[in-house]
Amino acid sequence: MGDSPWFASLRSIPLPLSDADVASGDLYVVDIASGKSHPLDLTNGYRGDNLYLPFPGRDEHRQYYPTVSPVPSGGYFWVYFTSRRNYGNRFKTNLWDSSAKKIWVSAININAAAGTDPSHPAFYLPGQEDQSGNIRAFAALNACKADGSSCETGVDCCGGSCDPSTNKCGKPTGCALIDNKCTTTADCCNEGGLMLECVGGICAQIVR
C-alpha cells in the first residue's frame, strides 16, 4: 500500500537544527610503546588552558576525521582534519550548517616525548569554496617511478632511492639523502650540518 499524501508531506518537512545537534570532538595522539595519550592542544585551539580560537563558546571541540601525511616533510608530519571552527573573522555561519565544515592542517613534531603535545596551531587549507562543506582530506603520493626514471627524491621512486648524481631512480652510492629509503639512521647522510634520522623507512630531517 502506498503512503498517504499527508504522510509523504510530513516526511519532507526538515527538522529544525541547533548547535546541540553537532557532535563534539578533539584530536589526540597516542604513543604506541607506552600507551600514553595526549590531546593535540595547539591543534585543537588551546595554548595552555587558554582558548586562542576567535569565537569562544562556538569554535572549541569541533575537530574531526584526522588523517596523517604518508611521509614526513619539512621536518614534521602533517595532520589534515575537518573542523567547524571559524576562519578568523571570515566565516560566522551556524555551527550546524554544512558549509562550516572546512579542512585544516597542522604540523606534528617527529619523535616527541610520550605524554606531551607534539602539535602546532592549525592553518586553514586555502582554495576551499566558502559555501561548500569539506570533510576528511587525504594526502597521497604520486604513482612511483621505475628505476631509470627521472626523480627529485627517493619518495618519487618505487625502490625508494633517487641517485643525486644522475637524478634517476636507482640505488645511490654512499649514504642516503633526505627522503631516500633507509633501514636505520646509520644509513642517512649528515645534510647541512643536521643529522638525518630514519623515520618510517625514510631519511628525514627533524625539527627540534
Protein backbone atom coordinates (compact mmCIF):
# COMPACT_ATOMS: atom_id res chain seq x y z
CA MET A 1 0.00 0.00 0.00
CA GLY A 2 1.38 3.42 -0.93
CA ASP A 3 1.91 6.21 1.58
CA SER A 4 -0.89 8.71 2.05
CA PRO A 5 -0.30 12.23 0.66
CA TRP A 6 -0.36 13.51 4.25
CA PHE A 7 2.41 11.11 5.35
CA ALA A 8 4.52 11.89 2.28
CA SER A 9 4.25 15.61 3.01
CA LEU A 10 5.13 15.06 6.67
CA ARG A 11 8.32 13.20 5.78
CA SER A 12 9.53 16.06 3.58
CA ILE A 13 9.43 18.63 6.41
CA PRO A 14 13.02 19.14 7.67
CA LEU A 15 13.52 19.01 11.39
CA PRO A 16 14.86 22.20 12.96
CA LEU A 17 18.56 22.06 13.74
CA SER A 18 20.56 23.68 16.51
CA ASP A 19 24.13 23.79 17.78
CA ALA A 20 23.19 20.99 20.19
CA ASP A 21 22.83 18.63 17.19
CA VAL A 22 26.54 18.98 16.34
CA ALA A 23 28.87 16.37 17.85
CA SER A 24 31.91 17.45 19.83
CA GLY A 25 35.40 16.18 19.04
CA ASP A 26 39.07 16.85 19.76
CA LEU A 27 42.24 15.33 18.33
CA TYR A 28 44.62 13.16 20.41
CA VAL A 29 47.92 11.41 19.81
CA VAL A 30 48.80 8.02 21.31
CA ASP A 31 52.34 6.79 21.92
CA ILE A 32 52.23 3.14 20.84
CA ALA A 33 55.12 1.98 23.03
CA SER A 34 53.79 3.38 26.31
CA GLY A 35 50.08 3.60 25.52
CA LYS A 36 50.05 7.22 26.77
CA SER A 37 47.66 9.60 25.05
CA HIS A 38 47.69 13.38 24.95
CA PRO A 39 45.38 15.93 23.32
CA LEU A 40 46.82 17.89 20.42
CA ASP A 41 46.22 21.08 22.40
CA LEU A 42 47.67 23.62 19.97
CA THR A 43 45.90 22.00 17.03
CA ASN A 44 42.64 21.84 19.00
CA GLY A 45 42.88 25.57 19.68
CA TYR A 46 44.38 25.75 23.16
CA ARG A 47 47.55 27.39 24.42
CA GLY A 48 47.81 26.03 27.92
CA ASP A 49 44.36 26.44 29.45
CA ASN A 50 43.51 29.39 27.18
CA LEU A 51 41.46 29.04 24.01
CA TYR A 52 43.00 31.11 21.20
CA LEU A 53 40.25 30.49 18.60
CA PRO A 54 38.29 33.64 17.66
CA PHE A 55 34.80 32.64 18.89
CA PRO A 56 34.85 31.06 22.37
CA GLY A 57 31.75 29.04 23.10
CA ARG A 58 31.37 28.10 19.45
CA ASP A 59 34.73 27.10 17.97
CA GLU A 60 36.19 24.75 20.59
CA HIS A 61 35.81 20.95 20.49
CA ARG A 62 34.91 20.87 16.77
CA GLN A 63 37.72 18.73 15.31
CA TYR A 64 37.00 15.51 13.40
CA TYR A 65 38.32 12.92 10.89
CA PRO A 66 42.12 13.32 11.13
CA THR A 67 44.44 11.80 8.53
CA VAL A 68 48.23 11.98 8.52
CA SER A 69 50.69 12.58 5.68
CA PRO A 70 52.26 9.32 4.44
CA VAL A 71 55.83 10.65 4.74
CA PRO A 72 57.46 13.39 6.85
CA SER A 73 58.12 16.69 5.08
CA GLY A 74 59.95 19.83 6.16
CA GLY A 75 60.90 18.24 9.46
CA TYR A 76 57.33 17.38 10.51
CA PHE A 77 54.45 15.04 9.98
CA TRP A 78 51.27 16.80 8.83
CA VAL A 79 47.74 16.09 10.04
CA TYR A 80 44.70 17.06 7.97
CA PHE A 81 41.33 17.29 9.69
CA THR A 82 37.81 18.65 9.41
CA SER A 83 36.78 21.47 11.74
CA ARG A 84 33.73 23.68 12.13
CA ARG A 85 35.81 26.50 13.64
CA ASN A 86 35.76 29.92 12.03
CA TYR A 87 38.49 31.17 9.75
CA GLY A 88 39.45 34.36 11.56
CA ASN A 89 36.54 36.74 11.05
CA ARG A 90 35.78 35.47 7.55
CA PHE A 91 33.22 32.81 8.46
CA LYS A 92 30.45 33.06 11.03
CA THR A 93 27.88 30.50 9.90
CA ASN A 94 25.57 28.50 12.08
CA LEU A 95 27.54 25.72 13.72
CA TRP A 96 25.23 23.06 12.27
CA ASP A 97 25.43 24.43 8.71
CA SER A 98 27.34 22.01 6.46
CA SER A 99 29.32 24.91 4.95
CA ALA A 100 31.00 25.35 8.35
CA LYS A 101 32.98 22.14 7.73
CA LYS A 102 36.41 23.01 6.34
CA ILE A 103 39.83 21.33 6.06
CA TRP A 104 42.61 22.46 8.39
CA VAL A 105 46.26 21.39 8.60
CA SER A 106 48.70 21.17 11.49
CA ALA A 107 52.39 20.30 11.84
CA ILE A 108 53.26 17.45 14.21
CA ASN A 109 56.72 17.11 15.76
CA ILE A 110 58.54 13.88 14.99
CA ASN A 111 59.79 11.79 17.95
CA ALA A 112 58.03 13.93 20.56
CA ALA A 113 58.19 12.60 24.12
CA ALA A 114 55.27 10.40 25.16
CA GLY A 115 52.56 12.27 27.04
CA THR A 116 53.43 15.67 25.54
CA ASP A 117 51.73 17.80 22.91
CA PRO A 118 53.66 17.47 19.62
CA SER A 119 51.31 19.73 17.65
CA HIS A 120 51.34 23.30 16.35
CA PRO A 121 48.50 25.77 15.69
CA ALA A 122 46.46 24.69 12.67
CA PHE A 123 46.04 26.70 9.49
CA TYR A 124 43.16 26.85 7.04
CA LEU A 125 43.86 24.96 3.81
CA PRO A 126 43.49 27.56 1.03
CA GLY A 127 41.44 27.04 -2.12
CA GLN A 128 38.23 25.85 -0.44
CA GLU A 129 34.89 27.25 -1.54
CA ASP A 130 33.18 29.32 1.13
CA GLN A 131 29.73 27.85 0.53
CA SER A 132 30.63 24.16 0.41
CA GLY A 133 31.40 21.81 3.29
CA ASN A 134 34.55 19.71 3.12
CA ILE A 135 35.33 16.58 5.09
CA ARG A 136 38.20 14.12 5.53
CA ALA A 137 41.15 15.17 3.40
CA PHE A 138 43.88 12.71 2.40
CA ALA A 139 47.47 13.45 1.41
CA ALA A 140 48.60 11.00 -1.27
CA LEU A 141 51.86 10.43 -3.09
CA ASN A 142 52.08 10.34 -6.87
CA ALA A 143 52.44 6.95 -8.51
CA CYS A 144 56.01 5.77 -8.00
CA LYS A 145 58.54 5.60 -10.84
CA ALA A 146 60.65 2.66 -12.00
CA ASP A 147 64.45 2.58 -11.84
CA GLY A 148 65.98 4.76 -14.53
CA SER A 149 63.16 7.32 -14.44
CA SER A 150 63.86 10.94 -13.55
CA CYS A 151 63.33 11.85 -9.91
CA GLU A 152 63.85 14.58 -7.33
CA THR A 153 63.83 12.46 -4.15
CA GLY A 154 63.50 8.82 -3.21
CA VAL A 155 59.82 9.36 -2.47
CA ASP A 156 59.31 9.56 -6.25
CA CYS A 157 60.78 6.08 -6.80
CA CYS A 158 59.27 2.63 -6.38
CA GLY A 159 62.56 1.40 -4.94
CA GLY A 160 62.71 4.32 -2.52
CA SER A 161 66.02 5.79 -3.75
CA CYS A 162 66.92 8.61 -6.12
CA ASP A 163 70.58 8.82 -7.17
CA PRO A 164 71.58 12.51 -6.77
CA SER A 165 74.42 12.14 -9.26
CA THR A 166 72.03 11.29 -12.10
CA ASN A 167 68.62 12.37 -10.75
CA LYS A 168 67.41 8.92 -11.74
CA CYS A 169 65.61 6.31 -9.67
CA GLY A 170 68.05 3.61 -8.61
CA LYS A 171 70.32 2.64 -5.77
CA PRO A 172 72.66 5.56 -4.98
CA THR A 173 76.26 5.16 -3.92
CA GLY A 174 77.13 6.22 -0.38
CA CYS A 175 74.72 7.34 2.30
CA ALA A 176 71.03 8.04 1.78
CA LEU A 177 69.96 11.67 1.38
CA ILE A 178 66.76 13.21 2.72
CA ASP A 179 63.57 11.46 1.56
CA ASN A 180 65.53 8.37 0.46
CA LYS A 181 64.99 4.84 1.69
CA CYS A 182 66.75 3.70 4.87
CA THR A 183 66.78 0.81 7.31
CA THR A 184 68.44 2.55 10.25
CA THR A 185 69.58 6.10 10.98
CA ALA A 186 73.15 4.99 10.20
CA ASP A 187 72.10 4.77 6.53
CA CYS A 188 71.30 8.51 6.37
CA CYS A 189 73.67 11.33 5.43
CA ASN A 190 74.53 14.32 7.54
CA GLU A 191 72.93 17.06 5.41
CA GLY A 192 73.63 20.74 6.00
CA GLY A 193 75.05 20.08 9.43
CA LEU A 194 71.84 18.38 10.59
CA MET A 195 71.91 14.63 11.12
CA LEU A 196 69.01 12.95 9.34
CA GLU A 197 67.10 10.19 11.10
CA CYS A 198 65.43 7.12 9.65
CA VAL A 199 61.69 7.67 10.21
CA GLY A 200 59.32 5.06 8.88
CA GLY A 201 61.95 3.80 6.42
CA ILE A 202 62.76 7.28 5.03
CA CYS A 203 65.65 9.61 5.93
CA ALA A 204 64.05 12.71 7.39
CA GLN A 205 65.20 15.98 8.87
CA ILE A 206 63.64 16.51 12.28
CA VAL A 207 62.93 19.99 13.63
CA ARG A 208 63.81 20.16 17.32
